[in-house]
């Protein structure tokens, strides 16, 4: 997967029903900004590391991303760093440790 992700400039997620996108998190971690439709889960995942496409406006958003992907790549990498398995695992371990210790 890393070689495949390294061969593209940005991710495209035209879904209207994504609950949580592992693929989007992987793309961000690889430094790929994302073009997506305006749904809550993608807005939360991508934040300022991508472009929100209007319904019917994916082509326009993709053209815009073609000009901006290099500028958005560092933002995507920072945004994706929070989804790295090591970071997620550490967060969950902290949560579980707190629960076991009785911390509120």
C-alpha atoms as a PDB file:
ATOM      1  CA  UNK A   1       0.000   0.000   0.000  1.00  0.00           C
ATOM      2  CA  UNK A   2       2.769   2.567   0.706  1.00  0.00           C
ATOM      3  CA  UNK A   3       4.040   2.308  -2.891  1.00  0.00           C
ATOM      4  CA  UNK A   4       0.542   2.795  -4.252  1.00  0.00           C
ATOM      5  CA  UNK A   5      -0.083   5.815  -2.041  1.00  0.00           C
ATOM      6  CA  UNK A   6       3.303   7.286  -2.996  1.00  0.00           C
ATOM      7  CA  UNK A   7       2.297   7.178  -6.656  1.00  0.00           C
ATOM      8  CA  UNK A   8      -0.634   9.606  -6.344  1.00  0.00           C
ATOM      9  CA  UNK A   9      -1.023  13.270  -5.438  1.00  0.00           C
ATOM     10  CA  UNK A  10      -4.259  13.184  -3.429  1.00  0.00           C
ATOM     11  CA  UNK A  11      -7.094  10.972  -2.262  1.00  0.00           C
ATOM     12  CA  UNK A  12     -10.645  11.136  -3.584  1.00  0.00           C
ATOM     13  CA  UNK A  13     -13.520  10.108  -1.334  1.00  0.00           C
ATOM     14  CA  UNK A  14     -16.874  10.748  -3.050  1.00  0.00           C
ATOM     15  CA  UNK A  15     -18.934   8.834  -0.479  1.00  0.00           C
ATOM     16  CA  UNK A  16     -22.079  10.196   1.144  1.00  0.00           C
ATOM     17  CA  UNK A  17     -22.313   7.497   3.815  1.00  0.00           C
ATOM     18  CA  UNK A  18     -18.846   6.814   5.245  1.00  0.00           C
ATOM     19  CA  UNK A  19     -19.029   6.258   8.997  1.00  0.00           C
ATOM     20  CA  UNK A  20     -15.277   6.199   9.537  1.00  0.00           C
ATOM     21  CA  UNK A  21     -12.666   5.912   6.841  1.00  0.00           C
ATOM     22  CA  UNK A  22      -9.513   3.944   7.529  1.00  0.00           C
ATOM     23  CA  UNK A  23      -8.515   4.562   3.912  1.00  0.00           C
ATOM     24  CA  UNK A  24      -8.751   8.336   4.418  1.00  0.00           C
ATOM     25  CA  UNK A  25      -6.624   8.105   7.577  1.00  0.00           C
ATOM     26  CA  UNK A  26      -4.044   6.040   5.672  1.00  0.00           C
ATOM     27  CA  UNK A  27      -3.979   8.567   2.842  1.00  0.00           C
ATOM     28  CA  UNK A  28      -3.479  11.440   5.269  1.00  0.00           C
ATOM     29  CA  UNK A  29      -0.681   9.589   7.075  1.00  0.00           C
ATOM     30  CA  UNK A  30       1.017   9.175   3.693  1.00  0.00           C
ATOM     31  CA  UNK A  31       0.799  12.933   3.154  1.00  0.00           C
ATOM     32  CA  UNK A  32      -2.059  12.842   0.689  1.00  0.00           C
ATOM     33  CA  UNK A  33      -4.576  15.647   0.972  1.00  0.00           C
ATOM     34  CA  UNK A  34      -8.142  14.599   0.281  1.00  0.00           C
ATOM     35  CA  UNK A  35     -11.029  15.743  -1.883  1.00  0.00           C
ATOM     36  CA  UNK A  36     -14.300  14.706  -0.264  1.00  0.00           C
ATOM     37  CA  UNK A  37     -17.981  15.472  -0.115  1.00  0.00           C
ATOM     38  CA  UNK A  38     -19.321  17.357   2.892  1.00  0.00           C
ATOM     39  CA  UNK A  39     -20.285  14.642   5.359  1.00  0.00           C
ATOM     40  CA  UNK A  40     -19.516  14.810   9.098  1.00  0.00           C
ATOM     41  CA  UNK A  41     -17.134  11.847   9.271  1.00  0.00           C
ATOM     42  CA  UNK A  42     -14.949  13.078   6.415  1.00  0.00           C
ATOM     43  CA  UNK A  43     -15.024  16.658   7.679  1.00  0.00           C
ATOM     44  CA  UNK A  44     -13.787  15.395  11.069  1.00  0.00           C
ATOM     45  CA  UNK A  45     -11.145  13.081   9.605  1.00  0.00           C
ATOM     46  CA  UNK A  46      -9.760  15.471   6.991  1.00  0.00           C
ATOM     47  CA  UNK A  47     -10.317  18.895   8.575  1.00  0.00           C
ATOM     48  CA  UNK A  48      -7.982  21.413   6.876  1.00  0.00           C
ATOM     49  CA  UNK A  49      -6.001  18.745   4.993  1.00  0.00           C
ATOM     50  CA  UNK A  50      -8.271  18.666   2.004  1.00  0.00           C
ATOM     51  CA  UNK A  51     -10.948  20.243  -0.118  1.00  0.00           C
ATOM     52  CA  UNK A  52     -14.666  19.774   0.387  1.00  0.00           C
ATOM     53  CA  UNK A  53     -16.469  19.248  -2.901  1.00  0.00           C
ATOM     54  CA  UNK A  54     -19.954  20.536  -3.481  1.00  0.00           C
ATOM     55  CA  UNK A  55     -22.495  17.967  -4.643  1.00  0.00           C
ATOM     56  CA  UNK A  56     -21.842  17.611  -8.361  1.00  0.00           C
ATOM     57  CA  UNK A  57     -18.589  19.506  -7.982  1.00  0.00           C
ATOM     58  CA  UNK A  58     -16.017  16.732  -7.667  1.00  0.00           C
ATOM     59  CA  UNK A  59     -14.362  17.588 -10.981  1.00  0.00           C
ATOM     60  CA  UNK A  60     -13.921  21.239  -9.973  1.00  0.00           C
ATOM     61  CA  UNK A  61     -12.542  20.242  -6.560  1.00  0.00           C
ATOM     62  CA  UNK A  62     -10.124  17.787  -8.184  1.00  0.00           C
ATOM     63  CA  UNK A  63      -8.832  20.504 -10.517  1.00  0.00           C
ATOM     64  CA  UNK A  64      -8.342  22.797  -7.543  1.00  0.00           C
ATOM     65  CA  UNK A  65      -6.498  20.044  -5.663  1.00  0.00           C
ATOM     66  CA  UNK A  66      -4.209  19.508  -8.657  1.00  0.00           C
ATOM     67  CA  UNK A  67      -2.883  23.013  -7.992  1.00  0.00           C
ATOM     68  CA  UNK A  68      -2.856  22.805  -4.181  1.00  0.00           C
ATOM     69  CA  UNK A  69      -1.835  19.238  -3.260  1.00  0.00           C
ATOM     70  CA  UNK A  70       1.835  20.082  -2.632  1.00  0.00           C
ATOM     71  CA  UNK A  71       0.879  22.851  -0.194  1.00  0.00           C
ATOM     72  CA  UNK A  72      -1.636  20.635   1.610  1.00  0.00           C
ATOM     73  CA  UNK A  73       0.654  17.576   1.884  1.00  0.00           C
ATOM     74  CA  UNK A  74       2.408  18.677   5.119  1.00  0.00           C
ATOM     75  CA  UNK A  75      -0.972  19.469   6.686  1.00  0.00           C
ATOM     76  CA  UNK A  76      -2.236  16.035   5.625  1.00  0.00           C
ATOM     77  CA  UNK A  77       0.814  14.345   7.181  1.00  0.00           C
ATOM     78  CA  UNK A  78       0.287  16.177  10.486  1.00  0.00           C
ATOM     79  CA  UNK A  79      -3.426  15.372  10.448  1.00  0.00           C
ATOM     80  CA  UNK A  80      -2.743  11.721   9.614  1.00  0.00           C
ATOM     81  CA  UNK A  81      -0.148  11.338  12.381  1.00  0.00           C
ATOM     82  CA  UNK A  82      -2.970  11.083  14.908  1.00  0.00           C
ATOM     83  CA  UNK A  83      -4.301   8.010  13.113  1.00  0.00           C
ATOM     84  CA  UNK A  84      -1.062   6.038  13.174  1.00  0.00           C
ATOM     85  CA  UNK A  85      -1.574   2.707  14.891  1.00  0.00           C
ATOM     86  CA  UNK A  86       1.100   3.470  17.495  1.00  0.00           C
ATOM     87  CA  UNK A  87      -0.673   6.706  18.463  1.00  0.00           C
ATOM     88  CA  UNK A  88      -4.131   5.120  18.548  1.00  0.00           C
ATOM     89  CA  UNK A  89      -2.822   2.197  20.607  1.00  0.00           C
ATOM     90  CA  UNK A  90      -1.198   4.558  23.124  1.00  0.00           C
ATOM     91  CA  UNK A  91      -4.416   6.570  23.478  1.00  0.00           C
ATOM     92  CA  UNK A  92      -6.461   3.421  24.087  1.00  0.00           C
ATOM     93  CA  UNK A  93      -3.908   2.071  26.567  1.00  0.00           C
ATOM     94  CA  UNK A  94      -4.048   5.348  28.509  1.00  0.00           C
ATOM     95  CA  UNK A  95      -7.837   5.161  28.550  1.00  0.00           C
ATOM     96  CA  UNK A  96      -7.884   1.511  29.694  1.00  0.00           C
ATOM     97  CA  UNK A  97      -5.255   2.161  32.344  1.00  0.00           C
ATOM     98  CA  UNK A  98      -7.334   5.007  33.706  1.00  0.00           C
ATOM     99  CA  UNK A  99     -10.476   2.873  33.799  1.00  0.00           C
ATOM    100  CA  UNK A 100      -8.680   0.010  35.588  1.00  0.00           C
ATOM    101  CA  UNK A 101      -7.143   2.463  38.065  1.00  0.00           C
ATOM    102  CA  UNK A 102     -10.580   3.982  38.718  1.00  0.00           C
ATOM    103  CA  UNK A 103      -9.729   7.416  37.316  1.00  0.00           C
ATOM    104  CA  UNK A 104     -12.799   9.335  36.190  1.00  0.00           C
END
